[in-house]
Amino acid sequence: MRILVTGTAGFVGFHLARRLIADGHMVVGFDGMTPYYDVRLKQKRHDILSRSNGFRAHIGMLEDKDALGRAVEDCQPDIIVH
């Protein structure tokens, strides 16, 4: 399946994305990389996910309709997990 996951640089989204990739799914991650907590940690999480051919990242805020639309267009997801 192709799955769009929001918040893939955060704790829950990162671990969900890892599991989905390990299970053979294609994951497109969408995250705003806000400084709510250490952005370097968030970047490291995306770097880890990016080591897999099953992951692509999009950086943007959910409020940004165009950015979210590009991520959806890129993924053509079977499901969106928010």
PDB file of N, CA and C in Angstrom:
ATOM      1  N   MET A   1       0.831  -1.190   0.000  1.00  0.00           N
ATOM      2  CA  MET A   1       0.000   0.000   0.000  1.00  0.00           C
ATOM      3  C   MET A   1       0.872   1.248   0.000  1.00  0.00           C
ATOM      4  N   ARG A   2       0.313   2.317  -0.503  1.00  0.00           N
ATOM      5  CA  ARG A   2       0.939   3.642  -0.424  1.00  0.00           C
ATOM      6  C   ARG A   2       0.233   4.395   0.699  1.00  0.00           C
ATOM      7  N   ILE A   3       1.025   4.857   1.663  1.00  0.00           N
ATOM      8  CA  ILE A   3       0.451   5.465   2.854  1.00  0.00           C
ATOM      9  C   ILE A   3       1.096   6.824   3.101  1.00  0.00           C
ATOM     10  N   LEU A   4       0.258   7.838   3.268  1.00  0.00           N
ATOM     11  CA  LEU A   4       0.728   9.159   3.653  1.00  0.00           C
ATOM     12  C   LEU A   4       0.580   9.260   5.166  1.00  0.00           C
ATOM     13  N   VAL A   5       1.687   9.537   5.843  1.00  0.00           N
ATOM     14  CA  VAL A   5       1.689   9.646   7.300  1.00  0.00           C
ATOM     15  C   VAL A   5       2.088  11.067   7.665  1.00  0.00           C
ATOM     16  N   THR A   6       1.249  11.733   8.452  1.00  0.00           N
ATOM     17  CA  THR A   6       1.606  13.065   8.922  1.00  0.00           C
ATOM     18  C   THR A   6       2.412  12.942  10.214  1.00  0.00           C
ATOM     19  N   GLY A   7       3.336  13.864  10.388  1.00  0.00           N
ATOM     20  CA  GLY A   7       4.127  13.889  11.621  1.00  0.00           C
ATOM     21  C   GLY A   7       5.200  12.820  11.698  1.00  0.00           C
ATOM     22  N   THR A   8       5.803  12.469  10.569  1.00  0.00           N
ATOM     23  CA  THR A   8       6.782  11.380  10.552  1.00  0.00           C
ATOM     24  C   THR A   8       8.096  11.713  11.244  1.00  0.00           C
ATOM     25  N   ALA A   9       8.312  12.971  11.588  1.00  0.00           N
ATOM     26  CA  ALA A   9       9.520  13.317  12.339  1.00  0.00           C
ATOM     27  C   ALA A   9       9.270  13.297  13.844  1.00  0.00           C
ATOM     28  N   GLY A  10       8.024  13.149  14.238  1.00  0.00           N
ATOM     29  CA  GLY A  10       7.679  13.053  15.649  1.00  0.00           C
ATOM     30  C   GLY A  10       7.774  11.620  16.133  1.00  0.00           C
ATOM     31  N   PHE A  11       7.587  11.424  17.406  1.00  0.00           N
ATOM     32  CA  PHE A  11       7.768  10.108  18.011  1.00  0.00           C
ATOM     33  C   PHE A  11       6.823   9.057  17.427  1.00  0.00           C
ATOM     34  N   VAL A  12       5.540   9.311  17.466  1.00  0.00           N
ATOM     35  CA  VAL A  12       4.557   8.319  17.013  1.00  0.00           C
ATOM     36  C   VAL A  12       4.644   8.107  15.506  1.00  0.00           C
ATOM     37  N   GLY A  13       4.676   9.209  14.752  1.00  0.00           N
ATOM     38  CA  GLY A  13       4.719   9.092  13.289  1.00  0.00           C
ATOM     39  C   GLY A  13       5.968   8.393  12.793  1.00  0.00           C
ATOM     40  N   PHE A  14       7.101   8.678  13.430  1.00  0.00           N
ATOM     41  CA  PHE A  14       8.360   8.040  13.050  1.00  0.00           C
ATOM     42  C   PHE A  14       8.286   6.531  13.245  1.00  0.00           C
ATOM     43  N   HIS A  15       7.822   6.107  14.407  1.00  0.00           N
ATOM     44  CA  HIS A  15       7.767   4.674  14.686  1.00  0.00           C
ATOM     45  C   HIS A  15       6.721   3.965  13.827  1.00  0.00           C
ATOM     46  N   LEU A  16       5.625   4.642  13.570  1.00  0.00           N
ATOM     47  CA  LEU A  16       4.622   4.067  12.663  1.00  0.00           C
ATOM     48  C   LEU A  16       5.209   3.908  11.261  1.00  0.00           C
ATOM     49  N   ALA A  17       5.868   4.946  10.769  1.00  0.00           N
ATOM     50  CA  ALA A  17       6.464   4.885   9.435  1.00  0.00           C
ATOM     51  C   ALA A  17       7.493   3.757   9.331  1.00  0.00           C
ATOM     52  N   ARG A  18       8.330   3.609  10.360  1.00  0.00           N
ATOM     53  CA  ARG A  18       9.329   2.524  10.353  1.00  0.00           C
ATOM     54  C   ARG A  18       8.647   1.161  10.227  1.00  0.00           C
ATOM     55  N   ARG A  19       7.599   0.979  10.990  1.00  0.00           N
ATOM     56  CA  ARG A  19       6.886  -0.302  10.966  1.00  0.00           C
ATOM     57  C   ARG A  19       6.241  -0.545   9.606  1.00  0.00           C
ATOM     58  N   LEU A  20       5.604   0.477   9.060  1.00  0.00           N
ATOM     59  CA  LEU A  20       4.958   0.326   7.761  1.00  0.00           C
ATOM     60  C   LEU A  20       5.976   0.007   6.668  1.00  0.00           C
ATOM     61  N   ILE A  21       7.116   0.685   6.702  1.00  0.00           N
ATOM     62  CA  ILE A  21       8.178   0.411   5.722  1.00  0.00           C
ATOM     63  C   ILE A  21       8.683  -1.015   5.898  1.00  0.00           C
ATOM     64  N   ALA A  22       8.898  -1.434   7.133  1.00  0.00           N
ATOM     65  CA  ALA A  22       9.372  -2.801   7.409  1.00  0.00           C
ATOM     66  C   ALA A  22       8.373  -3.836   6.920  1.00  0.00           C
ATOM     67  N   ASP A  23       7.102  -3.478   6.928  1.00  0.00           N
ATOM     68  CA  ASP A  23       6.059  -4.391   6.451  1.00  0.00           C
ATOM     69  C   ASP A  23       5.880  -4.329   4.936  1.00  0.00           C
ATOM     70  N   GLY A  24       6.710  -3.524   4.254  1.00  0.00           N
ATOM     71  CA  GLY A  24       6.705  -3.501   2.796  1.00  0.00           C
ATOM     72  C   GLY A  24       5.865  -2.411   2.155  1.00  0.00           C
ATOM     73  N   HIS A  25       5.390  -1.466   2.939  1.00  0.00           N
ATOM     74  CA  HIS A  25       4.567  -0.393   2.391  1.00  0.00           C
ATOM     75  C   HIS A  25       5.431   0.782   1.937  1.00  0.00           C
ATOM     76  N   MET A  26       4.899   1.561   1.020  1.00  0.00           N
ATOM     77  CA  MET A  26       5.520   2.809   0.586  1.00  0.00           C
ATOM     78  C   MET A  26       4.950   3.916   1.457  1.00  0.00           C
ATOM     79  N   VAL A  27       5.815   4.686   2.110  1.00  0.00           N
ATOM     80  CA  VAL A  27       5.372   5.744   3.017  1.00  0.00           C
ATOM     81  C   VAL A  27       5.861   7.090   2.509  1.00  0.00           C
ATOM     82  N   VAL A  28       4.934   8.019   2.413  1.00  0.00           N
ATOM     83  CA  VAL A  28       5.287   9.415   2.179  1.00  0.00           C
ATOM     84  C   VAL A  28       5.014  10.136   3.485  1.00  0.00           C
ATOM     85  N   GLY A  29       6.053  10.753   4.030  1.00  0.00           N
ATOM     86  CA  GLY A  29       5.932  11.456   5.299  1.00  0.00           C
ATOM     87  C   GLY A  29       5.707  12.933   5.080  1.00  0.00           C
ATOM     88  N   PHE A  30       4.883  13.499   5.940  1.00  0.00           N
ATOM     89  CA  PHE A  30       4.587  14.926   5.871  1.00  0.00           C
ATOM     90  C   PHE A  30       4.788  15.502   7.268  1.00  0.00           C
ATOM     91  N   ASP A  31       5.695  16.471   7.376  1.00  0.00           N
ATOM     92  CA  ASP A  31       5.993  17.042   8.685  1.00  0.00           C
ATOM     93  C   ASP A  31       6.412  18.495   8.533  1.00  0.00           C
ATOM     94  N   GLY A  32       6.021  19.311   9.495  1.00  0.00           N
ATOM     95  CA  GLY A  32       6.355  20.730   9.465  1.00  0.00           C
ATOM     96  C   GLY A  32       7.714  21.059  10.045  1.00  0.00           C
ATOM     97  N   MET A  33       8.354  20.093  10.714  1.00  0.00           N
ATOM     98  CA  MET A  33       9.661  20.315  11.326  1.00  0.00           C
ATOM     99  C   MET A  33       9.663  21.560  12.208  1.00  0.00           C
ATOM    100  N   THR A  34       8.595  21.747  12.960  1.00  0.00           N
ATOM    101  CA  THR A  34       8.498  22.894  13.857  1.00  0.00           C
ATOM    102  C   THR A  34       9.429  22.712  15.055  1.00  0.00           C
ATOM    103  N   PRO A  35       9.808  23.797  15.695  1.00  0.00           N
ATOM    104  CA  PRO A  35      10.721  23.705  16.836  1.00  0.00           C
ATOM    105  C   PRO A  35      10.015  23.389  18.155  1.00  0.00           C
ATOM    106  N   TYR A  36       8.892  22.688  18.085  1.00  0.00           N
ATOM    107  CA  TYR A  36       8.195  22.282  19.311  1.00  0.00           C
ATOM    108  C   TYR A  36       9.157  21.527  20.223  1.00  0.00           C
ATOM    109  N   TYR A  37       9.996  20.691  19.596  1.00  0.00           N
ATOM    110  CA  TYR A  37      11.159  20.129  20.280  1.00  0.00           C
ATOM    111  C   TYR A  37      12.269  20.007  19.266  1.00  0.00           C
ATOM    112  N   ASP A  38      13.414  19.547  19.658  1.00  0.00           N
ATOM    113  CA  ASP A  38      14.665  19.579  18.901  1.00  0.00           C
ATOM    114  C   ASP A  38      14.500  19.189  17.428  1.00  0.00           C
ATOM    115  N   VAL A  39      14.667  20.156  16.553  1.00  0.00           N
ATOM    116  CA  VAL A  39      14.531  19.920  15.112  1.00  0.00           C
ATOM    117  C   VAL A  39      15.629  18.984  14.618  1.00  0.00           C
ATOM    118  N   ARG A  40      16.795  19.012  15.264  1.00  0.00           N
ATOM    119  CA  ARG A  40      17.873  18.100  14.856  1.00  0.00           C
ATOM    120  C   ARG A  40      17.454  16.647  15.050  1.00  0.00           C
ATOM    121  N   LEU A  41      16.740  16.361  16.110  1.00  0.00           N
ATOM    122  CA  LEU A  41      16.220  15.012  16.337  1.00  0.00           C
ATOM    123  C   LEU A  41      15.225  14.642  15.244  1.00  0.00           C
ATOM    124  N   LYS A  42      14.371  15.573  14.895  1.00  0.00           N
ATOM    125  CA  LYS A  42      13.392  15.320  13.834  1.00  0.00           C
ATOM    126  C   LYS A  42      14.098  15.040  12.505  1.00  0.00           C
ATOM    127  N   GLN A  43      15.128  15.820  12.202  1.00  0.00           N
ATOM    128  CA  GLN A  43      15.881  15.614  10.961  1.00  0.00           C
ATOM    129  C   GLN A  43      16.566  14.249  10.958  1.00  0.00           C
ATOM    130  N   LYS A  44      17.106  13.844  12.111  1.00  0.00           N
ATOM    131  CA  LYS A  44      17.738  12.525  12.206  1.00  0.00           C
ATOM    132  C   LYS A  44      16.726  11.420  11.955  1.00  0.00           C
ATOM    133  N   ARG A  45      15.516  11.595  12.464  1.00  0.00           N
ATOM    134  CA  ARG A  45      14.480  10.587  12.228  1.00  0.00           C
ATOM    135  C   ARG A  45      14.158  10.483  10.742  1.00  0.00           C
ATOM    136  N   HIS A  46      14.031  11.614  10.080  1.00  0.00           N
ATOM    137  CA  HIS A  46      13.771  11.559   8.639  1.00  0.00           C
ATOM    138  C   HIS A  46      14.962  10.970   7.890  1.00  0.00           C
ATOM    139  N   ASP A  47      16.174  11.245   8.349  1.00  0.00           N
ATOM    140  CA  ASP A  47      17.356  10.641   7.729  1.00  0.00           C
ATOM    141  C   ASP A  47      17.307   9.118   7.851  1.00  0.00           C
ATOM    142  N   ILE A  48      16.911   8.627   8.995  1.00  0.00           N
ATOM    143  CA  ILE A  48      16.797   7.176   9.204  1.00  0.00           C
ATOM    144  C   ILE A  48      15.760   6.597   8.248  1.00  0.00           C
ATOM    145  N   LEU A  49      14.600   7.229   8.172  1.00  0.00           N
ATOM    146  CA  LEU A  49      13.544   6.738   7.280  1.00  0.00           C
ATOM    147  C   LEU A  49      13.985   6.803   5.821  1.00  0.00           C
ATOM    148  N   SER A  50      14.746   7.838   5.475  1.00  0.00           N
ATOM    149  CA  SER A  50      15.169   8.035   4.085  1.00  0.00           C
ATOM    150  C   SER A  50      16.173   6.995   3.609  1.00  0.00           C
ATOM    151  N   ARG A  51      16.751   6.247   4.514  1.00  0.00           N
ATOM    152  CA  ARG A  51      17.672   5.178   4.111  1.00  0.00           C
ATOM    153  C   ARG A  51      16.933   4.063   3.379  1.00  0.00           C
ATOM    154  N   SER A  52      15.642   4.056   3.500  1.00  0.00           N
ATOM    155  CA  SER A  52      14.818   3.047   2.840  1.00  0.00           C
ATOM    156  C   SER A  52      14.294   3.597   1.518  1.00  0.00           C
ATOM    157  N   ASN A  53      14.224   2.737   0.518  1.00  0.00           N
ATOM    158  CA  ASN A  53      13.602   3.130  -0.744  1.00  0.00           C
ATOM    159  C   ASN A  53      12.097   3.284  -0.583  1.00  0.00           C
ATOM    160  N   GLY A  54      11.568   2.880   0.562  1.00  0.00           N
ATOM    161  CA  GLY A  54      10.133   2.930   0.803  1.00  0.00           C
ATOM    162  C   GLY A  54       9.665   4.203   1.474  1.00  0.00           C
ATOM    163  N   PHE A  55      10.499   5.254   1.470  1.00  0.00           N
ATOM    164  CA  PHE A  55      10.122   6.492   2.146  1.00  0.00           C
ATOM    165  C   PHE A  55      10.508   7.711   1.330  1.00  0.00           C
ATOM    166  N   ARG A  56       9.591   8.662   1.289  1.00  0.00           N
ATOM    167  CA  ARG A  56       9.860   9.990   0.735  1.00  0.00           C
ATOM    168  C   ARG A  56       9.295  11.008   1.710  1.00  0.00           C
ATOM    169  N   ALA A  57      10.006  12.096   1.896  1.00  0.00           N
ATOM    170  CA  ALA A  57       9.582  13.119   2.847  1.00  0.00           C
ATOM    171  C   ALA A  57       9.099  14.371   2.133  1.00  0.00           C
ATOM    172  N   HIS A  58       8.074  14.963   2.693  1.00  0.00           N
ATOM    173  CA  HIS A  58       7.595  16.281   2.288  1.00  0.00           C
ATOM    174  C   HIS A  58       7.570  17.138   3.546  1.00  0.00           C
ATOM    175  N   ILE A  59       8.117  18.328   3.443  1.00  0.00           N
ATOM    176  CA  ILE A  59       8.146  19.250   4.572  1.00  0.00           C
ATOM    177  C   ILE A  59       7.079  20.313   4.344  1.00  0.00           C
ATOM    178  N   GLY A  60       6.204  20.458   5.313  1.00  0.00           N
ATOM    179  CA  GLY A  60       5.151  21.463   5.195  1.00  0.00           C
ATOM    180  C   GLY A  60       4.201  21.384   6.367  1.00  0.00           C
ATOM    181  N   MET A  61       3.430  22.429   6.504  1.00  0.00           N
ATOM    182  CA  MET A  61       2.445  22.515   7.570  1.00  0.00           C
ATOM    183  C   MET A  61       1.095  22.025   7.052  1.00  0.00           C
ATOM    184  N   LEU A  62       0.336  21.391   7.903  1.00  0.00           N
ATOM    185  CA  LEU A  62      -0.983  20.899   7.504  1.00  0.00           C
ATOM    186  C   LEU A  62      -1.888  22.032   7.033  1.00  0.00           C
ATOM    187  N   GLU A  63      -1.684  23.214   7.566  1.00  0.00           N
ATOM    188  CA  GLU A  63      -2.492  24.366   7.167  1.00  0.00           C
ATOM    189  C   GLU A  63      -2.179  24.841   5.749  1.00  0.00           C
ATOM    190  N   ASP A  64      -1.066  24.394   5.195  1.00  0.00           N
ATOM    191  CA  ASP A  64      -0.642  24.794   3.853  1.00  0.00           C
ATOM    192  C   ASP A  64      -1.263  23.823   2.847  1.00  0.00           C
ATOM    193  N   LYS A  65      -2.416  24.210   2.333  1.00  0.00           N
ATOM    194  CA  LYS A  65      -3.182  23.345   1.433  1.00  0.00           C
ATOM    195  C   LYS A  65      -2.357  22.910   0.211  1.00  0.00           C
ATOM    196  N   ASP A  66      -1.574  23.810  -0.332  1.00  0.00           N
ATOM    197  CA  ASP A  66      -0.781  23.479  -1.526  1.00  0.00           C
ATOM    198  C   ASP A  66       0.299  22.446  -1.212  1.00  0.00           C
ATOM    199  N   ALA A  67       1.002  22.626  -0.090  1.00  0.00           N
ATOM    200  CA  ALA A  67       2.050  21.673   0.297  1.00  0.00           C
ATOM    201  C   ALA A  67       1.455  20.296   0.571  1.00  0.00           C
ATOM    202  N   LEU A  68       0.348  20.266   1.278  1.00  0.00           N
ATOM    203  CA  LEU A  68      -0.307  18.992   1.555  1.00  0.00           C
ATOM    204  C   LEU A  68      -0.803  18.358   0.261  1.00  0.00           C
ATOM    205  N   GLY A  69      -1.325  19.165  -0.621  1.00  0.00           N
ATOM    206  CA  GLY A  69      -1.783  18.659  -1.921  1.00  0.00           C
ATOM    207  C   GLY A  69      -0.655  18.050  -2.728  1.00  0.00           C
ATOM    208  N   ARG A  70       0.528  18.667  -2.692  1.00  0.00           N
ATOM    209  CA  ARG A  70       1.683  18.107  -3.414  1.00  0.00           C
ATOM    210  C   ARG A  70       2.073  16.745  -2.835  1.00  0.00           C
ATOM    211  N   ALA A  71       2.023  16.624  -1.516  1.00  0.00           N
ATOM    212  CA  ALA A  71       2.366  15.349  -0.887  1.00  0.00           C
ATOM    213  C   ALA A  71       1.359  14.268  -1.285  1.00  0.00           C
ATOM    214  N   VAL A  72       0.098  14.619  -1.289  1.00  0.00           N
ATOM    215  CA  VAL A  72      -0.944  13.657  -1.682  1.00  0.00           C
ATOM    216  C   VAL A  72      -0.772  13.284  -3.148  1.00  0.00           C
ATOM    217  N   GLU A  73      -0.502  14.269  -3.988  1.00  0.00           N
ATOM    218  CA  GLU A  73      -0.301  14.008  -5.416  1.00  0.00           C
ATOM    219  C   GLU A  73       0.905  13.097  -5.639  1.00  0.00           C
ATOM    220  N   ASP A  74       1.985  13.343  -4.896  1.00  0.00           N
ATOM    221  CA  ASP A  74       3.198  12.531  -5.000  1.00  0.00           C
ATOM    222  C   ASP A  74       2.915  11.082  -4.613  1.00  0.00           C
ATOM    223  N   CYS A  75       2.137  10.913  -3.583  1.00  0.00           N
ATOM    224  CA  CYS A  75       1.919   9.589  -3.008  1.00  0.00           C
ATOM    225  C   CYS A  75       0.774   8.840  -3.665  1.00  0.00           C
ATOM    226  N   GLN A  76      -0.293   9.568  -4.041  1.00  0.00           N
ATOM    227  CA  GLN A  76      -1.521   8.911  -4.474  1.00  0.00           C
ATOM    228  C   GLN A  76      -1.879   7.818  -3.456  1.00  0.00           C
ATOM    229  N   PRO A  77      -2.064   8.220  -2.195  1.00  0.00           N
ATOM    230  CA  PRO A  77      -2.162   7.237  -1.109  1.00  0.00           C
ATOM    231  C   PRO A  77      -3.420   6.379  -1.155  1.00  0.00           C
ATOM    232  N   ASP A  78      -3.240   5.163  -0.688  1.00  0.00           N
ATOM    233  CA  ASP A  78      -4.383   4.285  -0.440  1.00  0.00           C
ATOM    234  C   ASP A  78      -5.055   4.690   0.862  1.00  0.00           C
ATOM    235  N   ILE A  79      -4.251   5.250   1.761  1.00  0.00           N
ATOM    236  CA  ILE A  79      -4.740   5.660   3.071  1.00  0.00           C
ATOM    237  C   ILE A  79      -3.871   6.803   3.587  1.00  0.00           C
ATOM    238  N   ILE A  80      -4.485   7.660   4.394  1.00  0.00           N
ATOM    239  CA  ILE A  80      -3.763   8.737   5.072  1.00  0.00           C
ATOM    240  C   ILE A  80      -3.899   8.497   6.566  1.00  0.00           C
ATOM    241  N   VAL A  81      -2.765   8.516   7.268  1.00  0.00           N
ATOM    242  CA  VAL A  81      -2.768   8.370   8.725  1.00  0.00           C
ATOM    243  C   VAL A  81      -2.345   9.700   9.305  1.00  0.00           C
ATOM    244  N   HIS A  82      -3.227  10.281  10.107  1.00  0.00           N
ATOM    245  CA  HIS A  82      -2.974  11.608  10.690  1.00  0.00           C
ATOM    246  C   HIS A  82      -3.016  11.495  12.200  1.00  0.00           C
TER     247      HIS A  82
END
